[in-house]
C-alpha atoms as a PDB file:
ATOM      1  CA  UNK A   1       1.740 -10.921 -11.577  1.00  0.00           C
ATOM      2  CA  UNK A   2       3.906  -9.731  -8.685  1.00  0.00           C
ATOM      3  CA  UNK A   3       3.686 -11.123  -5.152  1.00  0.00           C
ATOM      4  CA  UNK A   4       1.979  -8.018  -3.730  1.00  0.00           C
ATOM      5  CA  UNK A   5      -0.821  -8.186  -6.300  1.00  0.00           C
ATOM      6  CA  UNK A   6      -1.242 -11.916  -5.787  1.00  0.00           C
ATOM      7  CA  UNK A   7      -1.343 -11.495  -1.984  1.00  0.00           C
ATOM      8  CA  UNK A   8      -3.922  -8.711  -2.284  1.00  0.00           C
ATOM      9  CA  UNK A   9      -6.172 -10.619  -4.679  1.00  0.00           C
ATOM     10  CA  UNK A  10      -5.972 -13.788  -2.605  1.00  0.00           C
ATOM     11  CA  UNK A  11      -6.707 -11.958   0.656  1.00  0.00           C
ATOM     12  CA  UNK A  12      -9.710 -10.138  -0.777  1.00  0.00           C
ATOM     13  CA  UNK A  13     -11.130 -13.274  -2.431  1.00  0.00           C
ATOM     14  CA  UNK A  14     -10.794 -15.308   0.770  1.00  0.00           C
ATOM     15  CA  UNK A  15     -12.222 -12.501   2.927  1.00  0.00           C
ATOM     16  CA  UNK A  16     -15.269 -12.072   0.702  1.00  0.00           C
ATOM     17  CA  UNK A  17     -15.801 -15.844   0.574  1.00  0.00           C
ATOM     18  CA  UNK A  18     -15.627 -16.119   4.370  1.00  0.00           C
ATOM     19  CA  UNK A  19     -18.005 -13.187   4.883  1.00  0.00           C
ATOM     20  CA  UNK A  20     -20.524 -14.508   2.356  1.00  0.00           C
ATOM     21  CA  UNK A  21     -20.418 -18.044   3.743  1.00  0.00           C
ATOM     22  CA  UNK A  22     -21.014 -16.991   7.355  1.00  0.00           C
ATOM     23  CA  UNK A  23     -23.005 -13.778   7.069  1.00  0.00           C
ATOM     24  CA  UNK A  24     -26.240 -15.356   8.328  1.00  0.00           C
ATOM     25  CA  UNK A  25     -24.665 -17.021  11.360  1.00  0.00           C
ATOM     26  CA  UNK A  26     -21.840 -14.733  12.467  1.00  0.00           C
ATOM     27  CA  UNK A  27     -22.585 -11.364  10.890  1.00  0.00           C
ATOM     28  CA  UNK A  28     -26.376 -11.311  11.075  1.00  0.00           C
ATOM     29  CA  UNK A  29     -26.411  -7.797  12.565  1.00  0.00           C
ATOM     30  CA  UNK A  30     -24.755  -6.309   9.474  1.00  0.00           C
ATOM     31  CA  UNK A  31     -26.500  -5.302   6.273  1.00  0.00           C
ATOM     32  CA  UNK A  32     -26.567  -7.975   3.591  1.00  0.00           C
ATOM     33  CA  UNK A  33     -24.558  -5.796   1.218  1.00  0.00           C
ATOM     34  CA  UNK A  34     -21.908  -4.683   3.738  1.00  0.00           C
ATOM     35  CA  UNK A  35     -18.234  -5.407   3.124  1.00  0.00           C
ATOM     36  CA  UNK A  36     -15.136  -3.987   4.850  1.00  0.00           C
ATOM     37  CA  UNK A  37     -13.878  -0.677   3.504  1.00  0.00           C
ATOM     38  CA  UNK A  38     -10.445  -0.559   5.175  1.00  0.00           C
ATOM     39  CA  UNK A  39      -8.007  -2.519   7.338  1.00  0.00           C
ATOM     40  CA  UNK A  40      -9.832  -1.660  10.580  1.00  0.00           C
ATOM     41  CA  UNK A  41     -13.135  -2.948   9.161  1.00  0.00           C
ATOM     42  CA  UNK A  42     -11.314  -6.141   8.146  1.00  0.00           C
ATOM     43  CA  UNK A  43     -10.002  -6.680  11.674  1.00  0.00           C
ATOM     44  CA  UNK A  44     -13.445  -6.052  13.176  1.00  0.00           C
ATOM     45  CA  UNK A  45     -15.267  -8.418  10.833  1.00  0.00           C
ATOM     46  CA  UNK A  46     -12.621 -11.135  11.176  1.00  0.00           C
ATOM     47  CA  UNK A  47     -12.875 -10.975  14.968  1.00  0.00           C
ATOM     48  CA  UNK A  48     -16.666 -11.204  14.744  1.00  0.00           C
ATOM     49  CA  UNK A  49     -16.268 -14.276  12.558  1.00  0.00           C
ATOM     50  CA  UNK A  50     -13.877 -15.811  15.089  1.00  0.00           C
ATOM     51  CA  UNK A  51     -16.287 -15.083  17.918  1.00  0.00           C
ATOM     52  CA  UNK A  52     -19.381 -16.490  16.216  1.00  0.00           C
ATOM     53  CA  UNK A  53     -17.986 -19.253  14.062  1.00  0.00           C
ATOM     54  CA  UNK A  54     -16.840 -22.812  14.556  1.00  0.00           C
ATOM     55  CA  UNK A  55     -13.208 -23.932  14.734  1.00  0.00           C
ATOM     56  CA  UNK A  56     -12.772 -23.901  10.938  1.00  0.00           C
ATOM     57  CA  UNK A  57     -14.118 -20.358  10.679  1.00  0.00           C
ATOM     58  CA  UNK A  58     -11.925 -19.293  13.597  1.00  0.00           C
ATOM     59  CA  UNK A  59      -8.799 -20.655  11.910  1.00  0.00           C
ATOM     60  CA  UNK A  60      -9.644 -19.139   8.522  1.00  0.00           C
ATOM     61  CA  UNK A  61     -10.285 -15.743  10.124  1.00  0.00           C
ATOM     62  CA  UNK A  62      -7.068 -16.023  12.144  1.00  0.00           C
ATOM     63  CA  UNK A  63      -5.036 -16.647   8.995  1.00  0.00           C
ATOM     64  CA  UNK A  64      -6.559 -13.569   7.344  1.00  0.00           C
ATOM     65  CA  UNK A  65      -5.909 -11.509  10.484  1.00  0.00           C
ATOM     66  CA  UNK A  66      -2.224 -12.425  10.306  1.00  0.00           C
ATOM     67  CA  UNK A  67      -2.134 -11.300   6.682  1.00  0.00           C
ATOM     68  CA  UNK A  68      -3.892  -7.970   7.243  1.00  0.00           C
ATOM     69  CA  UNK A  69      -1.748  -7.293  10.317  1.00  0.00           C
ATOM     70  CA  UNK A  70       1.496  -7.930   8.427  1.00  0.00           C
ATOM     71  CA  UNK A  71       0.336  -6.347   5.152  1.00  0.00           C
ATOM     72  CA  UNK A  72      -2.420  -3.768   5.800  1.00  0.00           C
ATOM     73  CA  UNK A  73      -2.202  -2.655   2.171  1.00  0.00           C
ATOM     74  CA  UNK A  74      -4.080  -5.820   1.124  1.00  0.00           C
ATOM     75  CA  UNK A  75      -7.258  -4.465   2.748  1.00  0.00           C
ATOM     76  CA  UNK A  76      -9.920  -2.826   0.618  1.00  0.00           C
ATOM     77  CA  UNK A  77      -9.959   0.959   0.327  1.00  0.00           C
ATOM     78  CA  UNK A  78     -12.270   3.666  -0.976  1.00  0.00           C
ATOM     79  CA  UNK A  79     -10.491   3.530  -4.324  1.00  0.00           C
ATOM     80  CA  UNK A  80     -10.365  -0.298  -4.412  1.00  0.00           C
ATOM     81  CA  UNK A  81     -13.456  -1.733  -2.673  1.00  0.00           C
ATOM     82  CA  UNK A  82     -13.923  -5.402  -1.894  1.00  0.00           C
END
């Protein structure tokens, strides 16, 4: 597996895990089946998690923000949803 594929899979797994773990507390205004569909959605949801979460959530979201900022291709897309 190449580094791009590994980075993409890791980012998407961690993003989904963070969303699922904190949906009720940080993302309560979003539908229960909603997931980001592109890089902009990822940035928005990660900032919401930072705003509503504790320090651990803030740090986890910040790490994912750095990844999606440096490598926007890791974000989900219409052809490759989360």
